[in-house]
Amino acid sequence: MERNSTMNDHIDVKDRIEGDRRAIDGLDARIIELLAQRSHISDRIQKNRIGSGGPRTVLAREAEVLSRYQDGLGPKGTPIAMSVLRLCRGVVPTDAQLTLTQDRP
């Protein structure tokens, strides 16, 4: 009887682990979707800022983002925020690309 109980406990644990993994997969999908949305909005902000003669990035704003992640996640928030900022900055355009963009009507 003891062996049967141990096998059932093992199956229950395995089922709980699988359920938790499915929950993590769902969270990961939501995080990826949110990061894609954030990147799109960040790209729009950068284009508007550059188009109005401003800088591509604003370090004070990035410091605010870093602080928010640190406040919410502690020391582990810093590398996460840095990764998010890098992801959302996109590719830095070359001088030639900027010239072509600026020459367009």
N, C-alpha and C. Protein backbone atom coordinates (compact mmCIF):
# COMPACT_ATOMS: atom_id res chain seq x y z
N MET A 1 0.82 -1.19 0.00
CA MET A 1 0.00 0.00 0.00
C MET A 1 0.87 1.26 0.00
N GLU A 2 1.96 1.22 0.76
CA GLU A 2 2.87 2.37 0.85
C GLU A 2 3.44 2.72 -0.52
N ARG A 3 3.78 1.71 -1.31
CA ARG A 3 4.34 1.92 -2.65
C ARG A 3 3.34 2.64 -3.55
N ASN A 4 2.08 2.26 -3.46
CA ASN A 4 1.03 2.89 -4.26
C ASN A 4 0.89 4.37 -3.90
N SER A 5 0.96 4.69 -2.62
CA SER A 5 0.86 6.07 -2.17
C SER A 5 2.02 6.89 -2.70
N THR A 6 3.21 6.33 -2.67
CA THR A 6 4.40 7.02 -3.17
C THR A 6 4.29 7.27 -4.67
N MET A 7 3.79 6.32 -5.41
CA MET A 7 3.63 6.48 -6.86
C MET A 7 2.59 7.56 -7.16
N ASN A 8 1.50 7.58 -6.40
CA ASN A 8 0.47 8.59 -6.60
C ASN A 8 1.00 9.98 -6.27
N ASP A 9 1.80 10.09 -5.20
CA ASP A 9 2.41 11.37 -4.84
C ASP A 9 3.31 11.85 -5.96
N HIS A 10 4.07 10.93 -6.55
CA HIS A 10 4.98 11.28 -7.64
C HIS A 10 4.20 11.78 -8.86
N ILE A 11 3.10 11.13 -9.16
CA ILE A 11 2.26 11.55 -10.29
C ILE A 11 1.65 12.91 -10.01
N ASP A 12 1.17 13.14 -8.77
CA ASP A 12 0.60 14.43 -8.40
C ASP A 12 1.62 15.55 -8.55
N VAL A 13 2.83 15.31 -8.08
CA VAL A 13 3.90 16.31 -8.19
C VAL A 13 4.20 16.59 -9.66
N LYS A 14 4.29 15.54 -10.44
CA LYS A 14 4.57 15.70 -11.87
C LYS A 14 3.46 16.52 -12.55
N ASP A 15 2.21 16.25 -12.20
CA ASP A 15 1.09 17.01 -12.77
C ASP A 15 1.15 18.48 -12.36
N ARG A 16 1.49 18.74 -11.08
CA ARG A 16 1.60 20.12 -10.61
C ARG A 16 2.73 20.86 -11.34
N ILE A 17 3.84 20.17 -11.52
CA ILE A 17 4.97 20.78 -12.24
C ILE A 17 4.56 21.11 -13.67
N GLU A 18 3.90 20.20 -14.34
CA GLU A 18 3.46 20.44 -15.72
C GLU A 18 2.47 21.61 -15.77
N GLY A 19 1.56 21.68 -14.82
CA GLY A 19 0.61 22.80 -14.77
C GLY A 19 1.33 24.12 -14.55
N ASP A 20 2.30 24.12 -13.65
CA ASP A 20 3.08 25.34 -13.41
C ASP A 20 3.89 25.73 -14.65
N ARG A 21 4.41 24.76 -15.36
CA ARG A 21 5.17 25.06 -16.58
C ARG A 21 4.26 25.67 -17.64
N ARG A 22 3.04 25.17 -17.75
CA ARG A 22 2.08 25.76 -18.69
C ARG A 22 1.76 27.21 -18.29
N ALA A 23 1.65 27.45 -16.99
CA ALA A 23 1.40 28.82 -16.51
C ALA A 23 2.57 29.73 -16.87
N ILE A 24 3.80 29.24 -16.69
CA ILE A 24 4.98 30.04 -17.05
C ILE A 24 5.01 30.29 -18.55
N ASP A 25 4.68 29.29 -19.35
CA ASP A 25 4.64 29.47 -20.81
C ASP A 25 3.64 30.57 -21.19
N GLY A 26 2.50 30.59 -20.52
CA GLY A 26 1.51 31.63 -20.78
C GLY A 26 2.02 33.01 -20.38
N LEU A 27 2.68 33.08 -19.24
CA LEU A 27 3.27 34.35 -18.81
C LEU A 27 4.34 34.82 -19.79
N ASP A 28 5.19 33.88 -20.23
CA ASP A 28 6.23 34.24 -21.21
C ASP A 28 5.61 34.80 -22.49
N ALA A 29 4.54 34.20 -22.94
CA ALA A 29 3.87 34.69 -24.16
C ALA A 29 3.35 36.11 -23.94
N ARG A 30 2.80 36.37 -22.77
CA ARG A 30 2.30 37.72 -22.46
C ARG A 30 3.45 38.72 -22.37
N ILE A 31 4.56 38.31 -21.74
CA ILE A 31 5.73 39.19 -21.62
C ILE A 31 6.27 39.53 -23.00
N ILE A 32 6.37 38.54 -23.87
CA ILE A 32 6.87 38.77 -25.23
C ILE A 32 5.95 39.74 -25.97
N GLU A 33 4.65 39.56 -25.83
CA GLU A 33 3.69 40.46 -26.47
C GLU A 33 3.85 41.89 -25.94
N LEU A 34 3.98 42.03 -24.63
CA LEU A 34 4.16 43.35 -24.04
C LEU A 34 5.47 44.01 -24.48
N LEU A 35 6.53 43.22 -24.57
CA LEU A 35 7.82 43.77 -25.03
C LEU A 35 7.72 44.24 -26.48
N ALA A 36 7.00 43.48 -27.30
CA ALA A 36 6.82 43.89 -28.70
C ALA A 36 6.04 45.20 -28.77
N GLN A 37 5.00 45.35 -27.94
CA GLN A 37 4.23 46.59 -27.89
C GLN A 37 5.10 47.74 -27.41
N ARG A 38 5.90 47.49 -26.37
CA ARG A 38 6.77 48.53 -25.83
C ARG A 38 7.79 48.98 -26.87
N SER A 39 8.35 48.01 -27.59
CA SER A 39 9.34 48.33 -28.62
C SER A 39 8.72 49.18 -29.72
N HIS A 40 7.50 48.85 -30.12
CA HIS A 40 6.80 49.61 -31.16
C HIS A 40 6.57 51.06 -30.72
N ILE A 41 6.11 51.22 -29.50
CA ILE A 41 5.85 52.57 -28.97
C ILE A 41 7.15 53.34 -28.83
N SER A 42 8.20 52.67 -28.36
CA SER A 42 9.51 53.32 -28.21
C SER A 42 10.04 53.78 -29.57
N ASP A 43 9.86 52.95 -30.58
CA ASP A 43 10.29 53.32 -31.94
C ASP A 43 9.55 54.57 -32.42
N ARG A 44 8.26 54.63 -32.14
CA ARG A 44 7.47 55.79 -32.53
C ARG A 44 7.96 57.05 -31.81
N ILE A 45 8.26 56.94 -30.52
CA ILE A 45 8.77 58.08 -29.76
C ILE A 45 10.11 58.54 -30.33
N GLN A 46 10.99 57.59 -30.62
CA GLN A 46 12.31 57.94 -31.15
C GLN A 46 12.18 58.66 -32.50
N LYS A 47 11.33 58.16 -33.36
CA LYS A 47 11.14 58.80 -34.66
C LYS A 47 10.60 60.21 -34.50
N ASN A 48 9.64 60.39 -33.61
CA ASN A 48 9.09 61.73 -33.38
C ASN A 48 10.13 62.67 -32.78
N ARG A 49 10.92 62.15 -31.86
CA ARG A 49 11.94 62.98 -31.23
C ARG A 49 13.00 63.40 -32.24
N ILE A 50 13.49 62.44 -33.02
CA ILE A 50 14.50 62.73 -34.05
C ILE A 50 13.92 63.66 -35.10
N GLY A 51 12.68 63.41 -35.50
CA GLY A 51 12.02 64.25 -36.50
C GLY A 51 11.85 65.69 -36.07
N SER A 52 11.80 65.91 -34.77
CA SER A 52 11.66 67.28 -34.27
C SER A 52 13.00 67.87 -33.84
N GLY A 53 14.10 67.19 -34.23
CA GLY A 53 15.43 67.71 -33.95
C GLY A 53 16.00 67.31 -32.60
N GLY A 54 15.33 66.44 -31.90
CA GLY A 54 15.80 66.00 -30.59
C GLY A 54 16.73 64.81 -30.69
N PRO A 55 17.25 64.38 -29.55
CA PRO A 55 18.14 63.22 -29.53
C PRO A 55 17.35 61.92 -29.66
N ARG A 56 18.03 60.88 -30.07
CA ARG A 56 17.40 59.57 -30.22
C ARG A 56 16.96 59.02 -28.87
N THR A 57 17.82 59.18 -27.87
CA THR A 57 17.49 58.71 -26.53
C THR A 57 17.67 59.85 -25.53
N VAL A 58 16.96 59.73 -24.43
CA VAL A 58 17.06 60.71 -23.35
C VAL A 58 17.52 59.94 -22.10
N LEU A 59 18.75 60.20 -21.69
CA LEU A 59 19.32 59.43 -20.59
C LEU A 59 18.54 59.60 -19.29
N ALA A 60 18.01 60.79 -19.04
CA ALA A 60 17.22 61.00 -17.82
C ALA A 60 15.99 60.09 -17.82
N ARG A 61 15.38 59.93 -18.96
CA ARG A 61 14.21 59.05 -19.07
C ARG A 61 14.63 57.60 -18.84
N GLU A 62 15.76 57.19 -19.40
CA GLU A 62 16.23 55.83 -19.21
C GLU A 62 16.56 55.58 -17.73
N ALA A 63 17.08 56.60 -17.04
CA ALA A 63 17.36 56.48 -15.61
C ALA A 63 16.07 56.26 -14.83
N GLU A 64 14.99 56.92 -15.25
CA GLU A 64 13.68 56.71 -14.61
C GLU A 64 13.23 55.27 -14.77
N VAL A 65 13.41 54.73 -15.97
CA VAL A 65 13.02 53.35 -16.25
C VAL A 65 13.84 52.40 -15.37
N LEU A 66 15.16 52.62 -15.32
CA LEU A 66 16.03 51.78 -14.48
C LEU A 66 15.57 51.82 -13.03
N SER A 67 15.28 52.99 -12.54
CA SER A 67 14.84 53.14 -11.16
C SER A 67 13.55 52.40 -10.89
N ARG A 68 12.62 52.46 -11.84
CA ARG A 68 11.32 51.78 -11.68
C ARG A 68 11.53 50.26 -11.58
N TYR A 69 12.41 49.72 -12.43
CA TYR A 69 12.68 48.28 -12.38
C TYR A 69 13.40 47.90 -11.09
N GLN A 70 14.33 48.74 -10.65
CA GLN A 70 15.03 48.47 -9.39
C GLN A 70 14.07 48.52 -8.21
N ASP A 71 13.17 49.49 -8.21
CA ASP A 71 12.18 49.59 -7.14
C ASP A 71 11.27 48.37 -7.11
N GLY A 72 10.88 47.90 -8.28
CA GLY A 72 9.95 46.78 -8.36
C GLY A 72 10.58 45.41 -8.17
N LEU A 73 11.85 45.27 -8.60
CA LEU A 73 12.47 43.95 -8.60
C LEU A 73 13.74 43.85 -7.77
N GLY A 74 14.15 44.96 -7.17
CA GLY A 74 15.39 44.95 -6.40
C GLY A 74 16.59 44.94 -7.33
N PRO A 75 17.73 44.45 -6.84
CA PRO A 75 18.96 44.47 -7.64
C PRO A 75 18.85 43.72 -8.98
N LYS A 76 17.98 42.72 -9.03
CA LYS A 76 17.81 41.96 -10.28
C LYS A 76 17.11 42.79 -11.34
N GLY A 77 16.49 43.89 -10.95
CA GLY A 77 15.78 44.74 -11.90
C GLY A 77 16.70 45.48 -12.85
N THR A 78 17.93 45.77 -12.41
CA THR A 78 18.85 46.55 -13.26
C THR A 78 19.17 45.84 -14.57
N PRO A 79 19.64 44.58 -14.55
CA PRO A 79 19.95 43.95 -15.84
C PRO A 79 18.71 43.71 -16.70
N ILE A 80 17.57 43.50 -16.06
CA ILE A 80 16.34 43.33 -16.84
C ILE A 80 15.99 44.64 -17.53
N ALA A 81 16.05 45.75 -16.79
CA ALA A 81 15.76 47.05 -17.39
C ALA A 81 16.73 47.37 -18.51
N MET A 82 18.00 47.06 -18.31
CA MET A 82 19.00 47.33 -19.36
C MET A 82 18.67 46.52 -20.62
N SER A 83 18.28 45.29 -20.45
CA SER A 83 17.91 44.46 -21.60
C SER A 83 16.68 45.00 -22.32
N VAL A 84 15.69 45.43 -21.55
CA VAL A 84 14.48 46.01 -22.14
C VAL A 84 14.82 47.28 -22.90
N LEU A 85 15.64 48.14 -22.31
CA LEU A 85 16.02 49.39 -22.98
C LEU A 85 16.79 49.10 -24.27
N ARG A 86 17.71 48.14 -24.22
CA ARG A 86 18.46 47.77 -25.44
C ARG A 86 17.52 47.25 -26.52
N LEU A 87 16.60 46.39 -26.12
CA LEU A 87 15.64 45.83 -27.07
C LEU A 87 14.81 46.92 -27.73
N CYS A 88 14.40 47.90 -26.95
CA CYS A 88 13.48 48.92 -27.44
C CYS A 88 14.18 50.09 -28.14
N ARG A 89 15.48 50.18 -28.02
CA ARG A 89 16.19 51.24 -28.75
C ARG A 89 16.25 50.93 -30.23
N GLY A 90 16.18 49.68 -30.58
CA GLY A 90 16.26 49.29 -31.98
C GLY A 90 17.66 49.47 -32.52
N VAL A 91 17.77 49.39 -33.80
CA VAL A 91 19.06 49.52 -34.47
C VAL A 91 19.38 51.00 -34.62
N VAL A 92 20.58 51.38 -34.23
CA VAL A 92 21.01 52.76 -34.39
C VAL A 92 21.25 53.00 -35.88
N PRO A 93 20.57 53.99 -36.47
CA PRO A 93 20.76 54.24 -37.90
C PRO A 93 22.15 54.80 -38.17
N THR A 94 22.68 54.45 -39.34
CA THR A 94 23.96 55.00 -39.75
C THR A 94 23.77 56.42 -40.25
N ASP A 95 24.87 57.15 -40.39
CA ASP A 95 24.78 58.53 -40.91
C ASP A 95 24.15 58.54 -42.30
N ALA A 96 24.48 57.55 -43.13
CA ALA A 96 23.92 57.50 -44.48
C ALA A 96 22.40 57.32 -44.43
N GLN A 97 21.93 56.46 -43.52
CA GLN A 97 20.49 56.25 -43.40
C GLN A 97 19.80 57.52 -42.91
N LEU A 98 20.43 58.21 -41.97
CA LEU A 98 19.84 59.47 -41.49
C LEU A 98 19.77 60.50 -42.59
N THR A 99 20.80 60.59 -43.40
CA THR A 99 20.82 61.56 -44.52
C THR A 99 19.72 61.24 -45.50
N LEU A 100 19.56 59.95 -45.84
CA LEU A 100 18.50 59.55 -46.77
C LEU A 100 17.12 59.89 -46.21
N THR A 101 16.93 59.64 -44.93
CA THR A 101 15.64 59.93 -44.29
C THR A 101 15.36 61.41 -44.27
N GLN A 102 16.38 62.21 -43.98
CA GLN A 102 16.20 63.65 -43.88
C GLN A 102 15.99 64.29 -45.25
N ASP A 103 16.48 63.66 -46.32
CA ASP A 103 16.33 64.21 -47.66
C ASP A 103 14.94 63.96 -48.24
N ARG A 104 14.19 63.08 -47.63
CA ARG A 104 12.84 62.76 -48.15
C ARG A 104 11.88 63.91 -47.85
N PRO A 105 10.97 64.15 -48.80
CA PRO A 105 9.99 65.22 -48.60
C PRO A 105 8.95 64.88 -47.57
